[in-house]
Amino acid sequence: MPIDVERYKRRIKGANPRFNLVPFIDVLFTLLIFLVVTSSFHGTNEGASSSGKPEQGESLGPSEYYLIPVAGLKKVMVNGIDKSEYIKNSAIAVHTRVIDEGEIIIKPRNGLIIIQTPPGFPVDKAVRSPT
């Protein structure tokens, strides 16, 4: 019995090829599990601060003030005193000692920054207008 090649070609052209996703998903999840298991994750040190502030003693560079941009910044409070006049382009410059030793709370939804200076630090030097 001869093989009808033309009929076979017509049948293949008319068929819709299907891609079985089940084995593909199995292989994909296997690779994902392998990558997660073999990755190394580093947790925070127990002594490290989780506030995001730099540790005291870290080099902060040569600048005396650092820029803190907050989208929609409208108000800056330093030790309960309104210092919003120093806001320029939704940013404020904060003294490095305040960043190191003080406390900064940023509330982006309210457009507010609350700053608590270290003891004995003058409120007038805590913030200034960005240049």
N, C-alpha and C. Protein backbone atom coordinates (compact mmCIF):
# COMPACT_ATOMS: atom_id res chain seq x y z
N MET A 1 0.83 -1.16 0.00
CA MET A 1 0.00 0.00 0.00
C MET A 1 0.89 1.24 0.00
N PRO A 2 0.71 2.10 -0.99
CA PRO A 2 1.54 3.30 -1.08
C PRO A 2 1.09 4.36 -0.06
N ILE A 3 2.04 5.17 0.33
CA ILE A 3 1.77 6.25 1.29
C ILE A 3 1.29 7.47 0.52
N ASP A 4 0.14 8.00 0.93
CA ASP A 4 -0.45 9.16 0.28
C ASP A 4 0.09 10.43 0.96
N VAL A 5 1.18 10.98 0.42
CA VAL A 5 1.84 12.14 1.01
C VAL A 5 1.00 13.39 0.88
N GLU A 6 0.34 13.55 -0.24
CA GLU A 6 -0.48 14.75 -0.48
C GLU A 6 -1.62 14.85 0.53
N ARG A 7 -2.26 13.73 0.81
CA ARG A 7 -3.36 13.72 1.77
C ARG A 7 -2.84 14.07 3.17
N TYR A 8 -1.66 13.56 3.50
CA TYR A 8 -1.05 13.86 4.81
C TYR A 8 -0.73 15.36 4.93
N LYS A 9 -0.21 15.97 3.87
CA LYS A 9 0.10 17.41 3.88
C LYS A 9 -1.17 18.24 4.06
N ARG A 10 -2.26 17.86 3.37
CA ARG A 10 -3.52 18.60 3.50
C ARG A 10 -4.06 18.49 4.92
N ARG A 11 -3.93 17.34 5.51
CA ARG A 11 -4.43 17.13 6.86
C ARG A 11 -3.63 17.96 7.87
N ILE A 12 -2.33 18.09 7.70
CA ILE A 12 -1.49 18.87 8.60
C ILE A 12 -1.78 20.36 8.44
N LYS A 13 -1.96 20.83 7.20
CA LYS A 13 -2.27 22.25 6.96
C LYS A 13 -3.61 22.64 7.58
N GLY A 14 -4.57 21.77 7.58
CA GLY A 14 -5.89 22.07 8.11
C GLY A 14 -5.97 21.96 9.63
N ALA A 15 -5.01 21.29 10.24
CA ALA A 15 -5.05 21.09 11.70
C ALA A 15 -4.50 22.32 12.42
N ASN A 16 -5.07 22.60 13.57
CA ASN A 16 -4.57 23.70 14.42
C ASN A 16 -3.60 23.11 15.44
N PRO A 17 -2.35 23.53 15.42
CA PRO A 17 -1.41 23.00 16.40
C PRO A 17 -1.75 23.51 17.80
N ARG A 18 -1.55 22.68 18.78
CA ARG A 18 -1.84 23.05 20.16
C ARG A 18 -0.57 22.91 20.98
N PHE A 19 -0.41 23.85 21.89
CA PHE A 19 0.74 23.82 22.79
C PHE A 19 0.22 23.46 24.17
N ASN A 20 0.69 22.36 24.71
CA ASN A 20 0.24 21.90 26.02
C ASN A 20 0.98 22.69 27.10
N LEU A 21 0.25 23.50 27.87
CA LEU A 21 0.86 24.37 28.88
C LEU A 21 1.20 23.66 30.18
N VAL A 22 0.60 22.53 30.46
CA VAL A 22 0.81 21.86 31.74
C VAL A 22 2.28 21.47 31.95
N PRO A 23 2.94 20.79 31.01
CA PRO A 23 4.35 20.48 31.24
C PRO A 23 5.22 21.74 31.30
N PHE A 24 4.86 22.76 30.52
CA PHE A 24 5.61 24.02 30.54
C PHE A 24 5.55 24.66 31.92
N ILE A 25 4.35 24.71 32.50
CA ILE A 25 4.19 25.29 33.83
C ILE A 25 4.93 24.46 34.88
N ASP A 26 4.91 23.13 34.76
CA ASP A 26 5.63 22.27 35.69
C ASP A 26 7.13 22.57 35.66
N VAL A 27 7.69 22.68 34.48
CA VAL A 27 9.12 22.97 34.35
C VAL A 27 9.43 24.36 34.90
N LEU A 28 8.56 25.32 34.60
CA LEU A 28 8.77 26.69 35.07
C LEU A 28 8.77 26.76 36.60
N PHE A 29 7.82 26.11 37.24
CA PHE A 29 7.77 26.11 38.71
C PHE A 29 8.95 25.35 39.31
N THR A 30 9.38 24.30 38.66
CA THR A 30 10.55 23.56 39.15
C THR A 30 11.79 24.46 39.13
N LEU A 31 11.97 25.20 38.04
CA LEU A 31 13.09 26.14 37.97
C LEU A 31 12.97 27.24 39.01
N LEU A 32 11.77 27.76 39.22
CA LEU A 32 11.55 28.80 40.21
C LEU A 32 11.87 28.30 41.62
N ILE A 33 11.43 27.11 41.96
CA ILE A 33 11.72 26.53 43.27
C ILE A 33 13.22 26.33 43.43
N PHE A 34 13.87 25.85 42.39
CA PHE A 34 15.33 25.66 42.46
C PHE A 34 16.04 26.97 42.73
N LEU A 35 15.64 28.05 42.03
CA LEU A 35 16.28 29.34 42.22
C LEU A 35 16.04 29.90 43.62
N VAL A 36 14.85 29.74 44.15
CA VAL A 36 14.54 30.25 45.49
C VAL A 36 15.33 29.48 46.54
N VAL A 37 15.41 28.17 46.40
CA VAL A 37 16.11 27.34 47.39
C VAL A 37 17.61 27.60 47.36
N THR A 38 18.18 27.80 46.19
CA THR A 38 19.63 27.98 46.10
C THR A 38 20.08 29.42 46.32
N SER A 39 19.15 30.36 46.39
CA SER A 39 19.51 31.77 46.62
C SER A 39 19.86 31.97 48.08
N SER A 40 20.72 32.95 48.33
CA SER A 40 21.04 33.27 49.72
C SER A 40 20.39 34.61 50.05
N PHE A 41 19.68 34.63 51.16
CA PHE A 41 19.00 35.83 51.60
C PHE A 41 19.70 36.34 52.85
N HIS A 42 19.93 37.64 52.88
CA HIS A 42 20.58 38.25 54.03
C HIS A 42 19.54 39.03 54.82
N GLY A 43 19.35 38.67 56.08
CA GLY A 43 18.44 39.40 56.96
C GLY A 43 19.16 40.60 57.55
N THR A 44 18.41 41.40 58.28
CA THR A 44 19.03 42.55 58.94
C THR A 44 19.78 42.10 60.17
N ASN A 45 20.82 42.81 60.49
CA ASN A 45 21.56 42.53 61.72
C ASN A 45 20.69 42.91 62.90
N GLU A 46 20.85 42.20 64.01
CA GLU A 46 20.01 42.50 65.15
C GLU A 46 20.32 43.87 65.72
N GLY A 47 21.54 44.33 65.60
CA GLY A 47 21.90 45.64 66.12
C GLY A 47 21.62 46.76 65.14
N ALA A 48 21.30 46.43 63.90
CA ALA A 48 21.11 47.46 62.88
C ALA A 48 19.75 48.13 63.04
N SER A 49 19.71 49.37 62.66
CA SER A 49 18.46 50.12 62.72
C SER A 49 17.61 49.81 61.50
N SER A 50 16.32 49.63 61.70
CA SER A 50 15.44 49.35 60.58
C SER A 50 14.71 50.61 60.12
N SER A 51 15.12 51.75 60.64
CA SER A 51 14.42 53.00 60.29
C SER A 51 14.86 53.54 58.94
N GLY A 52 15.98 53.04 58.40
CA GLY A 52 16.46 53.53 57.13
C GLY A 52 17.47 54.66 57.29
N LYS A 53 17.67 55.13 58.51
CA LYS A 53 18.67 56.17 58.74
C LYS A 53 20.05 55.55 58.70
N PRO A 54 21.06 56.30 58.26
CA PRO A 54 22.41 55.76 58.28
C PRO A 54 22.88 55.57 59.72
N GLU A 55 23.74 54.59 59.90
CA GLU A 55 24.31 54.35 61.22
C GLU A 55 25.22 55.49 61.62
N GLN A 56 25.29 55.79 62.90
CA GLN A 56 26.19 56.83 63.35
C GLN A 56 27.63 56.38 63.10
N GLY A 57 28.43 57.30 62.64
CA GLY A 57 29.81 56.99 62.34
C GLY A 57 30.03 56.66 60.87
N GLU A 58 28.97 56.38 60.12
CA GLU A 58 29.14 56.16 58.69
C GLU A 58 29.49 57.48 58.03
N SER A 59 30.33 57.40 57.01
CA SER A 59 30.71 58.61 56.29
C SER A 59 29.54 59.07 55.44
N LEU A 60 29.10 60.28 55.66
CA LEU A 60 27.99 60.81 54.89
C LEU A 60 28.46 61.73 53.78
N GLY A 61 29.75 61.83 53.57
CA GLY A 61 30.25 62.67 52.50
C GLY A 61 30.59 64.06 53.01
N PRO A 62 31.02 64.93 52.10
CA PRO A 62 31.51 66.23 52.50
C PRO A 62 30.40 67.26 52.76
N SER A 63 29.17 66.97 52.41
CA SER A 63 28.11 67.96 52.52
C SER A 63 27.61 68.09 53.96
N GLU A 64 27.20 69.29 54.32
CA GLU A 64 26.66 69.53 55.65
C GLU A 64 25.15 69.31 55.67
N TYR A 65 24.50 69.48 54.52
CA TYR A 65 23.05 69.29 54.39
C TYR A 65 22.77 68.30 53.27
N TYR A 66 21.73 67.49 53.48
CA TYR A 66 21.32 66.53 52.46
C TYR A 66 19.87 66.77 52.08
N LEU A 67 19.60 66.59 50.81
CA LEU A 67 18.29 66.86 50.24
C LEU A 67 17.35 65.68 50.50
N ILE A 68 16.14 65.99 50.97
CA ILE A 68 15.10 64.98 51.13
C ILE A 68 13.92 65.40 50.26
N PRO A 69 13.75 64.75 49.10
CA PRO A 69 12.61 65.07 48.24
C PRO A 69 11.39 64.22 48.61
N VAL A 70 10.23 64.84 48.65
CA VAL A 70 8.97 64.14 48.90
C VAL A 70 7.94 64.71 47.93
N ALA A 71 7.36 63.86 47.11
CA ALA A 71 6.37 64.33 46.14
C ALA A 71 5.19 64.97 46.87
N GLY A 72 4.87 66.19 46.49
CA GLY A 72 3.75 66.90 47.09
C GLY A 72 4.02 67.41 48.49
N LEU A 73 5.28 67.67 48.82
CA LEU A 73 5.64 68.15 50.16
C LEU A 73 5.03 69.53 50.39
N LYS A 74 4.25 69.64 51.48
CA LYS A 74 3.57 70.90 51.80
C LYS A 74 3.98 71.48 53.14
N LYS A 75 4.41 70.62 54.08
CA LYS A 75 4.67 71.11 55.43
C LYS A 75 5.86 70.40 56.05
N VAL A 76 6.71 71.17 56.73
CA VAL A 76 7.86 70.64 57.46
C VAL A 76 7.79 71.18 58.88
N MET A 77 7.78 70.26 59.85
CA MET A 77 7.75 70.65 61.26
C MET A 77 9.06 70.21 61.91
N VAL A 78 9.75 71.16 62.57
CA VAL A 78 10.99 70.86 63.29
C VAL A 78 10.75 71.18 64.75
N ASN A 79 10.76 70.14 65.60
CA ASN A 79 10.49 70.28 67.04
C ASN A 79 9.19 71.05 67.28
N GLY A 80 8.19 70.82 66.47
CA GLY A 80 6.90 71.47 66.63
C GLY A 80 6.80 72.86 66.01
N ILE A 81 7.88 73.34 65.39
CA ILE A 81 7.88 74.67 64.76
C ILE A 81 7.77 74.48 63.25
N ASP A 82 6.86 75.23 62.64
CA ASP A 82 6.63 75.13 61.20
C ASP A 82 7.79 75.78 60.43
N LYS A 83 8.46 74.98 59.60
CA LYS A 83 9.57 75.46 58.78
C LYS A 83 9.26 75.24 57.29
N SER A 84 7.98 75.37 56.93
CA SER A 84 7.55 75.12 55.56
C SER A 84 8.08 76.15 54.57
N GLU A 85 8.53 77.31 55.04
CA GLU A 85 9.03 78.33 54.12
C GLU A 85 10.32 77.89 53.42
N TYR A 86 10.98 76.85 53.94
CA TYR A 86 12.22 76.37 53.33
C TYR A 86 11.98 75.34 52.22
N ILE A 87 10.74 74.94 51.99
CA ILE A 87 10.43 73.96 50.95
C ILE A 87 10.64 74.58 49.58
N LYS A 88 11.37 73.86 48.72
CA LYS A 88 11.59 74.32 47.35
C LYS A 88 11.51 73.10 46.43
N ASN A 89 10.61 73.15 45.46
CA ASN A 89 10.42 72.04 44.51
C ASN A 89 10.15 70.72 45.22
N SER A 90 9.29 70.75 46.21
CA SER A 90 8.89 69.56 46.99
C SER A 90 10.08 68.87 47.65
N ALA A 91 11.06 69.65 48.10
CA ALA A 91 12.22 69.08 48.78
C ALA A 91 12.67 70.02 49.88
N ILE A 92 13.43 69.47 50.82
CA ILE A 92 13.99 70.25 51.92
C ILE A 92 15.40 69.71 52.19
N ALA A 93 16.31 70.61 52.58
CA ALA A 93 17.67 70.21 52.93
C ALA A 93 17.74 70.04 54.45
N VAL A 94 18.23 68.88 54.90
CA VAL A 94 18.29 68.55 56.32
C VAL A 94 19.76 68.39 56.72
N HIS A 95 20.11 68.93 57.88
CA HIS A 95 21.49 68.87 58.39
C HIS A 95 21.88 67.42 58.66
N THR A 96 23.15 67.09 58.41
CA THR A 96 23.63 65.72 58.58
C THR A 96 23.53 65.24 60.04
N ARG A 97 23.74 66.12 60.99
CA ARG A 97 23.65 65.72 62.40
C ARG A 97 22.21 65.35 62.76
N VAL A 98 21.25 66.04 62.16
CA VAL A 98 19.84 65.71 62.40
C VAL A 98 19.54 64.34 61.80
N ILE A 99 20.09 64.05 60.63
CA ILE A 99 19.89 62.74 60.00
C ILE A 99 20.53 61.64 60.84
N ASP A 100 21.74 61.90 61.36
CA ASP A 100 22.46 60.89 62.15
C ASP A 100 21.85 60.65 63.52
N GLU A 101 21.57 61.73 64.25
CA GLU A 101 21.21 61.60 65.66
C GLU A 101 19.75 61.93 65.96
N GLY A 102 19.08 62.59 65.05
CA GLY A 102 17.70 62.99 65.29
C GLY A 102 16.72 61.96 64.77
N GLU A 103 15.48 62.40 64.65
CA GLU A 103 14.43 61.52 64.15
C GLU A 103 13.68 62.25 63.05
N ILE A 104 13.47 61.56 61.93
CA ILE A 104 12.75 62.13 60.79
C ILE A 104 11.60 61.19 60.44
N ILE A 105 10.39 61.74 60.45
CA ILE A 105 9.21 60.97 60.08
C ILE A 105 8.65 61.60 58.81
N ILE A 106 8.55 60.80 57.75
CA ILE A 106 8.04 61.29 56.46
C ILE A 106 6.66 60.68 56.24
N LYS A 107 5.68 61.55 56.04
CA LYS A 107 4.31 61.10 55.75
C LYS A 107 3.95 61.59 54.34
N PRO A 108 4.27 60.80 53.31
CA PRO A 108 4.07 61.25 51.93
C PRO A 108 2.61 61.49 51.56
N ARG A 109 1.69 60.74 52.15
CA ARG A 109 0.27 60.95 51.82
C ARG A 109 -0.22 62.31 52.29
N ASN A 110 0.33 62.78 53.40
CA ASN A 110 -0.07 64.09 53.93
C ASN A 110 0.83 65.21 53.43
N GLY A 111 1.92 64.87 52.73
CA GLY A 111 2.88 65.88 52.29
C GLY A 111 3.56 66.52 53.48
N LEU A 112 3.95 65.72 54.47
CA LEU A 112 4.46 66.23 55.75
C LEU A 112 5.75 65.53 56.14
N ILE A 113 6.69 66.32 56.67
CA ILE A 113 7.90 65.78 57.28
C ILE A 113 7.95 66.32 58.70
N ILE A 114 8.11 65.41 59.68
CA ILE A 114 8.24 65.80 61.08
C ILE A 114 9.67 65.47 61.50
N ILE A 115 10.38 66.48 61.99
CA ILE A 115 11.79 66.32 62.36
C ILE A 115 11.95 66.62 63.85
N GLN A 116 12.66 65.73 64.54
CA GLN A 116 13.02 65.93 65.94
C GLN A 116 14.54 66.04 65.97
N THR A 117 15.06 67.18 66.39
CA THR A 117 16.51 67.39 66.40
C THR A 117 17.14 66.72 67.61
N PRO A 118 18.44 66.45 67.56
CA PRO A 118 19.12 65.90 68.72
C PRO A 118 19.16 66.94 69.85
N PRO A 119 19.31 66.52 71.09
CA PRO A 119 19.35 67.46 72.21
C PRO A 119 20.46 68.49 72.04
N GLY A 120 20.11 69.75 72.25
CA GLY A 120 21.08 70.83 72.17
C GLY A 120 21.33 71.36 70.77
N PHE A 121 20.72 70.77 69.76
CA PHE A 121 20.93 71.22 68.39
C PHE A 121 19.94 72.35 68.08
N PRO A 122 20.42 73.48 67.53
CA PRO A 122 19.52 74.60 67.27
C PRO A 122 18.53 74.29 66.14
N VAL A 123 17.27 74.66 66.35
CA VAL A 123 16.22 74.43 65.37
C VAL A 123 16.50 75.18 64.07
N ASP A 124 17.12 76.37 64.18
CA ASP A 124 17.38 77.19 63.00
C ASP A 124 18.37 76.54 62.03
N LYS A 125 19.26 75.68 62.53
CA LYS A 125 20.25 75.03 61.66
C LYS A 125 19.77 73.67 61.14
N ALA A 126 18.64 73.15 61.63
CA ALA A 126 18.19 71.80 61.29
C ALA A 126 17.83 71.67 59.82
N VAL A 127 17.15 72.66 59.27
CA VAL A 127 16.74 72.59 57.86
C VAL A 127 17.06 73.91 57.17
N ARG A 128 17.16 73.83 55.85
CA ARG A 128 17.31 75.04 55.04
C ARG A 128 16.74 74.76 53.67
N SER A 129 16.63 75.79 52.88
CA SER A 129 16.10 75.67 51.54
C SER A 129 17.15 75.03 50.63
N PRO A 130 16.75 74.07 49.79
CA PRO A 130 17.72 73.45 48.87
C PRO A 130 18.25 74.49 47.88
N THR A 131 19.52 74.37 47.55
CA THR A 131 20.12 75.30 46.57
C THR A 131 20.22 74.66 45.22
